[in-house]
Amino acid sequence: MAEEIPYDFTSLQNLFNRPEALNEFAQDQMGKVQEMLRHTEKFSCPPACNLCCQGAILMSYTEFTYIWLYLEQSWSAPQMDQLLRQEIKIMQNESTLRCPFLDRDRTTEHCKIYQARPLICRVFGTTAAPCEENVEPVLLDENLFYRAYDCLYYANKQFIALRLNEDWALFKAPFAFWCLADHDEESRAFLRQFIQERQDSCHAVLYDLQQESFFTLSHGERKIISG
């Protein structure tokens, strides 16, 4: 059964006042990624299928910034209000956040932000992400994928993350988590407590600032992973 995240997302007004340098960086990096993948994003997905849109869609802070900029430029104020009030507060099951941009009422074109979709959505339908449906995959060179990944998750050879407190930083996360992490100290503290109390990171990738390691939480257990 769906449940809401107990936080007033409509108070996140700081998200509407983002530094221009950050917007420019996100636009430049996503532009590079789109050019890299220009010949690999042609796959024959069934028009009514949205299997790969279910559950948590993880993204970098760069992709989150790019999506938010796209929303500000393309969506009306009522649409943005509905997104904050209804969509990103909803949980799916106990361990995954549903994608707030999946339109289940449409029979085709389910993604509301298709032009601005994150990297993981761009490589579905390729050999990097096998589909349950009978889709003919496009060969995706592994080196190409990691070049695109590095564009979004690293800058000047340093990984991009947002600090939640003195111990944890957020590296890869669903859209709703980034909304909280990018707002203010109060919302970051709420997110840190939310993750800790649930003992499940919703498949987000966190960084331990003290131990200098990336990790996820699953059923209360910490799993160390590489970046």
C-alpha atoms as a PDB file:
ATOM      1  CA  MET A   1       0.000   0.000   0.000  1.00  0.00           C
ATOM      2  CA  ALA A   2       1.297   3.455  -0.873  1.00  0.00           C
ATOM      3  CA  GLU A   3       2.261   5.813   1.925  1.00  0.00           C
ATOM      4  CA  GLU A   4       3.466   9.395   1.997  1.00  0.00           C
ATOM      5  CA  ILE A   5       6.829  10.655   3.107  1.00  0.00           C
ATOM      6  CA  PRO A   6       5.949  12.712   6.207  1.00  0.00           C
ATOM      7  CA  TYR A   7       7.476  15.957   4.965  1.00  0.00           C
ATOM      8  CA  ASP A   8       5.977  19.098   3.446  1.00  0.00           C
ATOM      9  CA  PHE A   9       7.704  19.220   0.071  1.00  0.00           C
ATOM     10  CA  THR A  10       5.833  22.424  -0.799  1.00  0.00           C
ATOM     11  CA  SER A  11       8.139  24.282   1.608  1.00  0.00           C
ATOM     12  CA  LEU A  12      11.186  23.590  -0.562  1.00  0.00           C
ATOM     13  CA  GLN A  13      11.253  27.032  -2.151  1.00  0.00           C
ATOM     14  CA  ASN A  14      15.041  27.209  -2.257  1.00  0.00           C
ATOM     15  CA  LEU A  15      14.942  24.730  -5.126  1.00  0.00           C
ATOM     16  CA  PHE A  16      13.563  27.511  -7.313  1.00  0.00           C
ATOM     17  CA  ASN A  17      16.631  29.687  -6.736  1.00  0.00           C
ATOM     18  CA  ARG A  18      19.489  27.576  -7.997  1.00  0.00           C
ATOM     19  CA  PRO A  19      22.955  29.001  -8.784  1.00  0.00           C
ATOM     20  CA  GLU A  20      23.334  29.732 -12.483  1.00  0.00           C
ATOM     21  CA  ALA A  21      26.788  28.144 -12.533  1.00  0.00           C
ATOM     22  CA  LEU A  22      25.234  24.887 -11.327  1.00  0.00           C
ATOM     23  CA  ASN A  23      22.580  25.014 -14.031  1.00  0.00           C
ATOM     24  CA  GLU A  24      25.210  25.665 -16.701  1.00  0.00           C
ATOM     25  CA  PHE A  25      27.351  22.769 -15.486  1.00  0.00           C
ATOM     26  CA  ALA A  26      24.376  20.383 -15.570  1.00  0.00           C
ATOM     27  CA  GLN A  27      23.370  21.536 -19.052  1.00  0.00           C
ATOM     28  CA  ASP A  28      26.917  21.179 -20.388  1.00  0.00           C
ATOM     29  CA  GLN A  29      27.459  17.726 -18.906  1.00  0.00           C
ATOM     30  CA  MET A  30      24.095  16.338 -19.980  1.00  0.00           C
ATOM     31  CA  GLY A  31      24.684  17.781 -23.439  1.00  0.00           C
ATOM     32  CA  LYS A  32      27.910  15.764 -23.635  1.00  0.00           C
ATOM     33  CA  VAL A  33      26.087  12.622 -22.493  1.00  0.00           C
ATOM     34  CA  GLN A  34      23.311  13.068 -25.044  1.00  0.00           C
ATOM     35  CA  GLU A  35      25.880  13.451 -27.798  1.00  0.00           C
ATOM     36  CA  MET A  36      27.791  10.357 -26.618  1.00  0.00           C
ATOM     37  CA  LEU A  37      24.651   8.237 -26.634  1.00  0.00           C
ATOM     38  CA  ARG A  38      23.115   9.728 -29.770  1.00  0.00           C
ATOM     39  CA  HIS A  39      23.464   6.498 -31.753  1.00  0.00           C
ATOM     40  CA  THR A  40      22.567   4.113 -28.919  1.00  0.00           C
ATOM     41  CA  GLU A  41      19.146   5.430 -27.900  1.00  0.00           C
ATOM     42  CA  LYS A  42      17.250   3.783 -30.741  1.00  0.00           C
ATOM     43  CA  PHE A  43      15.531   0.722 -29.335  1.00  0.00           C
ATOM     44  CA  SER A  44      12.181  -0.846 -30.099  1.00  0.00           C
ATOM     45  CA  CYS A  45      10.337  -0.668 -26.786  1.00  0.00           C
ATOM     46  CA  PRO A  46       6.669  -1.727 -26.914  1.00  0.00           C
ATOM     47  CA  PRO A  47       4.715   1.565 -26.736  1.00  0.00           C
ATOM     48  CA  ALA A  48       2.521   0.418 -23.838  1.00  0.00           C
ATOM     49  CA  CYS A  49       5.401  -0.920 -21.721  1.00  0.00           C
ATOM     50  CA  ASN A  50       6.702   0.919 -18.649  1.00  0.00           C
ATOM     51  CA  LEU A  51       8.399  -1.935 -16.785  1.00  0.00           C
ATOM     52  CA  CYS A  52      11.727  -0.154 -16.480  1.00  0.00           C
ATOM     53  CA  CYS A  53       9.983   2.909 -14.985  1.00  0.00           C
ATOM     54  CA  GLN A  54       8.761   1.066 -11.902  1.00  0.00           C
ATOM     55  CA  GLY A  55      10.432   1.629  -8.552  1.00  0.00           C
ATOM     56  CA  ALA A  56      13.301   3.916  -7.626  1.00  0.00           C
ATOM     57  CA  ILE A  57      15.093   5.651 -10.489  1.00  0.00           C
ATOM     58  CA  LEU A  58      18.539   6.635  -9.255  1.00  0.00           C
ATOM     59  CA  MET A  59      20.361   9.665 -10.567  1.00  0.00           C
ATOM     60  CA  SER A  60      23.290  11.946  -9.864  1.00  0.00           C
ATOM     61  CA  TYR A  61      23.027  15.445  -8.449  1.00  0.00           C
ATOM     62  CA  THR A  62      23.924  16.695 -11.939  1.00  0.00           C
ATOM     63  CA  GLU A  63      20.947  14.884 -13.468  1.00  0.00           C
ATOM     64  CA  PHE A  64      18.655  16.121 -10.714  1.00  0.00           C
ATOM     65  CA  THR A  65      19.759  19.693 -11.443  1.00  0.00           C
ATOM     66  CA  TYR A  66      19.180  19.219 -15.173  1.00  0.00           C
ATOM     67  CA  ILE A  67      15.696  17.792 -14.588  1.00  0.00           C
ATOM     68  CA  TRP A  68      14.754  20.600 -12.205  1.00  0.00           C
ATOM     69  CA  LEU A  69      15.884  23.191 -14.741  1.00  0.00           C
ATOM     70  CA  TYR A  70      13.823  21.437 -17.420  1.00  0.00           C
ATOM     71  CA  LEU A  71      10.765  21.507 -15.139  1.00  0.00           C
ATOM     72  CA  GLU A  72      11.147  25.215 -14.431  1.00  0.00           C
ATOM     73  CA  GLN A  73      11.368  25.968 -18.138  1.00  0.00           C
ATOM     74  CA  SER A  74       8.668  23.562 -19.346  1.00  0.00           C
ATOM     75  CA  TRP A  75       6.084  23.107 -16.601  1.00  0.00           C
ATOM     76  CA  SER A  76       3.452  25.503 -15.326  1.00  0.00           C
ATOM     77  CA  ALA A  77       3.217  26.606 -11.700  1.00  0.00           C
ATOM     78  CA  PRO A  78       0.189  24.324 -11.072  1.00  0.00           C
ATOM     79  CA  GLN A  79       2.089  21.349 -12.515  1.00  0.00           C
ATOM     80  CA  MET A  80       5.063  22.043 -10.263  1.00  0.00           C
ATOM     81  CA  ASP A  81       2.768  22.411  -7.274  1.00  0.00           C
ATOM     82  CA  GLN A  82       1.119  19.069  -8.012  1.00  0.00           C
ATOM     83  CA  LEU A  83       4.526  17.434  -8.385  1.00  0.00           C
ATOM     84  CA  LEU A  84       5.593  18.650  -4.948  1.00  0.00           C
ATOM     85  CA  ARG A  85       2.284  18.081  -3.185  1.00  0.00           C
ATOM     86  CA  GLN A  86       1.352  14.690  -4.595  1.00  0.00           C
ATOM     87  CA  GLU A  87       3.879  12.844  -6.694  1.00  0.00           C
ATOM     88  CA  ILE A  88       7.219  12.901  -4.903  1.00  0.00           C
ATOM     89  CA  LYS A  89       5.660  12.304  -1.484  1.00  0.00           C
ATOM     90  CA  ILE A  90       4.307   8.899  -2.465  1.00  0.00           C
ATOM     91  CA  MET A  91       6.121   5.699  -1.547  1.00  0.00           C
ATOM     92  CA  GLN A  92       5.836   2.447  -3.482  1.00  0.00           C
ATOM     93  CA  ASN A  93       6.004  -0.654  -1.284  1.00  0.00           C
ATOM     94  CA  GLU A  94       8.344  -0.482   1.718  1.00  0.00           C
ATOM     95  CA  SER A  95      11.717  -0.135   0.059  1.00  0.00           C
ATOM     96  CA  THR A  96      11.435   1.756  -3.215  1.00  0.00           C
ATOM     97  CA  LEU A  97      10.356   5.209  -4.271  1.00  0.00           C
ATOM     98  CA  ARG A  98       8.290   5.274  -7.412  1.00  0.00           C
ATOM     99  CA  CYS A  99       9.352   7.574 -10.213  1.00  0.00           C
ATOM    100  CA  PRO A 100       7.304  10.791  -9.919  1.00  0.00           C
ATOM    101  CA  PHE A 101       7.441  11.295 -13.689  1.00  0.00           C
ATOM    102  CA  LEU A 102       5.742   8.064 -14.735  1.00  0.00           C
ATOM    103  CA  ASP A 103       2.287   8.708 -16.198  1.00  0.00           C
ATOM    104  CA  ARG A 104       0.419   5.430 -15.810  1.00  0.00           C
ATOM    105  CA  ASP A 105      -2.737   6.839 -17.396  1.00  0.00           C
ATOM    106  CA  ARG A 106      -1.163   7.134 -20.829  1.00  0.00           C
ATOM    107  CA  THR A 107      -1.092   4.165 -23.185  1.00  0.00           C
ATOM    108  CA  THR A 108       2.142   5.436 -24.777  1.00  0.00           C
ATOM    109  CA  GLU A 109       4.845   7.993 -23.913  1.00  0.00           C
ATOM    110  CA  HIS A 110       4.688   7.332 -20.197  1.00  0.00           C
ATOM    111  CA  CYS A 111       7.619   9.593 -19.242  1.00  0.00           C
ATOM    112  CA  LYS A 112       6.722  13.196 -18.437  1.00  0.00           C
ATOM    113  CA  ILE A 113      10.335  14.348 -18.725  1.00  0.00           C
ATOM    114  CA  TYR A 114      11.542  12.171 -21.581  1.00  0.00           C
ATOM    115  CA  GLN A 115      13.836  14.844 -23.049  1.00  0.00           C
ATOM    116  CA  ALA A 116      15.520  15.340 -19.666  1.00  0.00           C
ATOM    117  CA  ARG A 117      15.509  11.723 -18.457  1.00  0.00           C
ATOM    118  CA  PRO A 118      18.557  10.517 -16.510  1.00  0.00           C
ATOM    119  CA  LEU A 119      21.318   8.224 -17.761  1.00  0.00           C
ATOM    120  CA  ILE A 120      19.847   4.968 -16.461  1.00  0.00           C
ATOM    121  CA  CYS A 121      16.675   5.635 -18.460  1.00  0.00           C
ATOM    122  CA  ARG A 122      18.722   6.323 -21.590  1.00  0.00           C
ATOM    123  CA  VAL A 123      20.522   2.972 -21.519  1.00  0.00           C
ATOM    124  CA  PHE A 124      17.479   0.782 -20.888  1.00  0.00           C
ATOM    125  CA  GLY A 125      16.781  -1.193 -24.022  1.00  0.00           C
ATOM    126  CA  THR A 126      20.498  -1.700 -24.601  1.00  0.00           C
ATOM    127  CA  THR A 127      22.686  -4.648 -23.695  1.00  0.00           C
ATOM    128  CA  ALA A 128      23.609  -2.715 -20.548  1.00  0.00           C
ATOM    129  CA  ALA A 129      20.088  -3.202 -19.200  1.00  0.00           C
ATOM    130  CA  PRO A 130      18.294  -6.308 -20.507  1.00  0.00           C
ATOM    131  CA  CYS A 131      14.511  -5.967 -20.709  1.00  0.00           C
ATOM    132  CA  GLU A 132      11.895  -8.540 -19.800  1.00  0.00           C
ATOM    133  CA  GLU A 133      10.045  -7.737 -23.006  1.00  0.00           C
ATOM    134  CA  ASN A 134      11.112  -8.986 -26.433  1.00  0.00           C
ATOM    135  CA  VAL A 135      13.202  -5.947 -27.319  1.00  0.00           C
ATOM    136  CA  GLU A 136      16.078  -6.062 -29.765  1.00  0.00           C
ATOM    137  CA  PRO A 137      18.915  -4.407 -27.826  1.00  0.00           C
ATOM    138  CA  VAL A 138      21.387  -1.909 -29.178  1.00  0.00           C
ATOM    139  CA  LEU A 139      25.006  -2.774 -28.442  1.00  0.00           C
ATOM    140  CA  LEU A 140      26.322  -0.334 -25.851  1.00  0.00           C
ATOM    141  CA  ASP A 141      30.063  -0.123 -25.435  1.00  0.00           C
ATOM    142  CA  GLU A 142      30.951  -0.402 -21.749  1.00  0.00           C
ATOM    143  CA  ASN A 143      33.619   2.294 -22.015  1.00  0.00           C
ATOM    144  CA  LEU A 144      31.068   4.647 -23.555  1.00  0.00           C
ATOM    145  CA  PHE A 145      28.694   4.092 -20.649  1.00  0.00           C
ATOM    146  CA  TYR A 146      31.383   4.856 -18.073  1.00  0.00           C
ATOM    147  CA  ARG A 147      32.462   7.966 -19.965  1.00  0.00           C
ATOM    148  CA  ALA A 148      28.869   9.189 -19.768  1.00  0.00           C
ATOM    149  CA  TYR A 149      28.657   8.150 -16.107  1.00  0.00           C
ATOM    150  CA  ASP A 150      31.816  10.087 -15.250  1.00  0.00           C
ATOM    151  CA  CYS A 151      30.407  13.214 -16.909  1.00  0.00           C
ATOM    152  CA  LEU A 152      27.479  13.182 -14.501  1.00  0.00           C
ATOM    153  CA  TYR A 153      28.997  11.893 -11.277  1.00  0.00           C
ATOM    154  CA  TYR A 154      32.436  13.517 -11.306  1.00  0.00           C
ATOM    155  CA  ALA A 155      33.907  16.990 -11.787  1.00  0.00           C
ATOM    156  CA  ASN A 156      37.630  17.762 -11.855  1.00  0.00           C
ATOM    157  CA  LYS A 157      38.302  14.132 -10.895  1.00  0.00           C
ATOM    158  CA  GLN A 158      36.247  14.531  -7.678  1.00  0.00           C
ATOM    159  CA  PHE A 159      32.931  12.766  -7.158  1.00  0.00           C
ATOM    160  CA  ILE A 160      29.817  14.919  -6.762  1.00  0.00           C
ATOM    161  CA  ALA A 161      27.799  14.420  -3.583  1.00  0.00           C
ATOM    162  CA  LEU A 162      25.730  16.467  -1.127  1.00  0.00           C
ATOM    163  CA  ARG A 163      26.589  16.291   2.548  1.00  0.00           C
ATOM    164  CA  LEU A 164      23.713  15.309   4.851  1.00  0.00           C
ATOM    165  CA  ASN A 165      25.647  15.693   8.128  1.00  0.00           C
ATOM    166  CA  GLU A 166      29.162  15.184   9.446  1.00  0.00           C
ATOM    167  CA  ASP A 167      29.014  11.454   8.627  1.00  0.00           C
ATOM    168  CA  TRP A 168      27.018  10.898   5.440  1.00  0.00           C
ATOM    169  CA  ALA A 169      26.813  12.375   1.949  1.00  0.00           C
ATOM    170  CA  LEU A 170      24.348  11.530  -0.821  1.00  0.00           C
ATOM    171  CA  PHE A 171      25.944  10.300  -4.069  1.00  0.00           C
ATOM    172  CA  LYS A 172      23.197   8.581  -6.090  1.00  0.00           C
ATOM    173  CA  ALA A 173      19.513   8.820  -5.191  1.00  0.00           C
ATOM    174  CA  PRO A 174      15.870   9.065  -6.322  1.00  0.00           C
ATOM    175  CA  PHE A 175      14.520  12.477  -7.296  1.00  0.00           C
ATOM    176  CA  ALA A 176      12.651  13.031  -3.996  1.00  0.00           C
ATOM    177  CA  PHE A 177      15.796  12.443  -1.942  1.00  0.00           C
ATOM    178  CA  TRP A 178      17.679  15.079  -3.907  1.00  0.00           C
ATOM    179  CA  CYS A 179      14.851  17.554  -3.282  1.00  0.00           C
ATOM    180  CA  LEU A 180      15.451  17.175   0.445  1.00  0.00           C
ATOM    181  CA  ALA A 181      19.240  17.040   0.282  1.00  0.00           C
ATOM    182  CA  ASP A 182      19.454  20.185  -1.839  1.00  0.00           C
ATOM    183  CA  HIS A 183      17.187  22.429   0.253  1.00  0.00           C
ATOM    184  CA  ASP A 184      18.480  23.312   3.720  1.00  0.00           C
ATOM    185  CA  GLU A 185      19.906  21.875   6.922  1.00  0.00           C
ATOM    186  CA  GLU A 186      16.474  20.942   8.280  1.00  0.00           C
ATOM    187  CA  SER A 187      15.444  18.947   5.215  1.00  0.00           C
ATOM    188  CA  ARG A 188      18.828  17.228   5.061  1.00  0.00           C
ATOM    189  CA  ALA A 189      18.489  16.259   8.725  1.00  0.00           C
ATOM    190  CA  PHE A 190      15.024  14.883   8.003  1.00  0.00           C
ATOM    191  CA  LEU A 191      16.354  12.792   5.113  1.00  0.00           C
ATOM    192  CA  ARG A 192      19.216  11.447   7.218  1.00  0.00           C
ATOM    193  CA  GLN A 193      16.781  10.441   9.971  1.00  0.00           C
ATOM    194  CA  PHE A 194      14.305   9.026   7.456  1.00  0.00           C
ATOM    195  CA  ILE A 195      16.950   6.732   5.967  1.00  0.00           C
ATOM    196  CA  GLN A 196      18.283   5.739   9.383  1.00  0.00           C
ATOM    197  CA  GLU A 197      14.864   4.915  10.871  1.00  0.00           C
ATOM    198  CA  ARG A 198      13.814   2.859   7.880  1.00  0.00           C
ATOM    199  CA  GLN A 199      17.158   1.038   7.889  1.00  0.00           C
ATOM    200  CA  ASP A 200      16.916   1.004   4.124  1.00  0.00           C
ATOM    201  CA  SER A 201      18.368   3.560   1.750  1.00  0.00           C
ATOM    202  CA  CYS A 202      15.761   2.913  -0.984  1.00  0.00           C
ATOM    203  CA  HIS A 203      18.688   1.784  -3.137  1.00  0.00           C
ATOM    204  CA  ALA A 204      20.352   5.192  -2.825  1.00  0.00           C
ATOM    205  CA  VAL A 205      24.144   5.207  -2.720  1.00  0.00           C
ATOM    206  CA  LEU A 206      25.624   7.027   0.279  1.00  0.00           C
ATOM    207  CA  TYR A 207      29.167   8.045   1.147  1.00  0.00           C
ATOM    208  CA  ASP A 208      30.649   7.646   4.619  1.00  0.00           C
ATOM    209  CA  LEU A 209      32.791  10.722   5.164  1.00  0.00           C
ATOM    210  CA  GLN A 210      34.623   9.195   8.117  1.00  0.00           C
ATOM    211  CA  GLN A 211      35.392   5.795   6.606  1.00  0.00           C
ATOM    212  CA  GLU A 212      35.715   7.212   3.061  1.00  0.00           C
ATOM    213  CA  SER A 213      33.588   4.499   1.472  1.00  0.00           C
ATOM    214  CA  PHE A 214      30.437   4.247  -0.637  1.00  0.00           C
ATOM    215  CA  PHE A 215      27.633   2.097   0.746  1.00  0.00           C
ATOM    216  CA  THR A 216      23.954   1.194   0.594  1.00  0.00           C
ATOM    217  CA  LEU A 217      21.611   0.065   3.345  1.00  0.00           C
ATOM    218  CA  SER A 218      19.521  -3.061   2.948  1.00  0.00           C
ATOM    219  CA  HIS A 219      17.381  -4.445   5.779  1.00  0.00           C
ATOM    220  CA  GLY A 220      19.562  -2.599   8.257  1.00  0.00           C
ATOM    221  CA  GLU A 221      22.823  -3.940   6.917  1.00  0.00           C
ATOM    222  CA  ARG A 222      25.485  -1.736   5.379  1.00  0.00           C
ATOM    223  CA  LYS A 223      26.872  -2.970   2.062  1.00  0.00           C
ATOM    224  CA  ILE A 224      30.147  -1.388   0.991  1.00  0.00           C
ATOM    225  CA  ILE A 225      30.392  -0.769  -2.743  1.00  0.00           C
ATOM    226  CA  SER A 226      32.808   0.931  -5.120  1.00  0.00           C
ATOM    227  CA  GLY A 227      32.047   4.295  -6.714  1.00  0.00           C
END
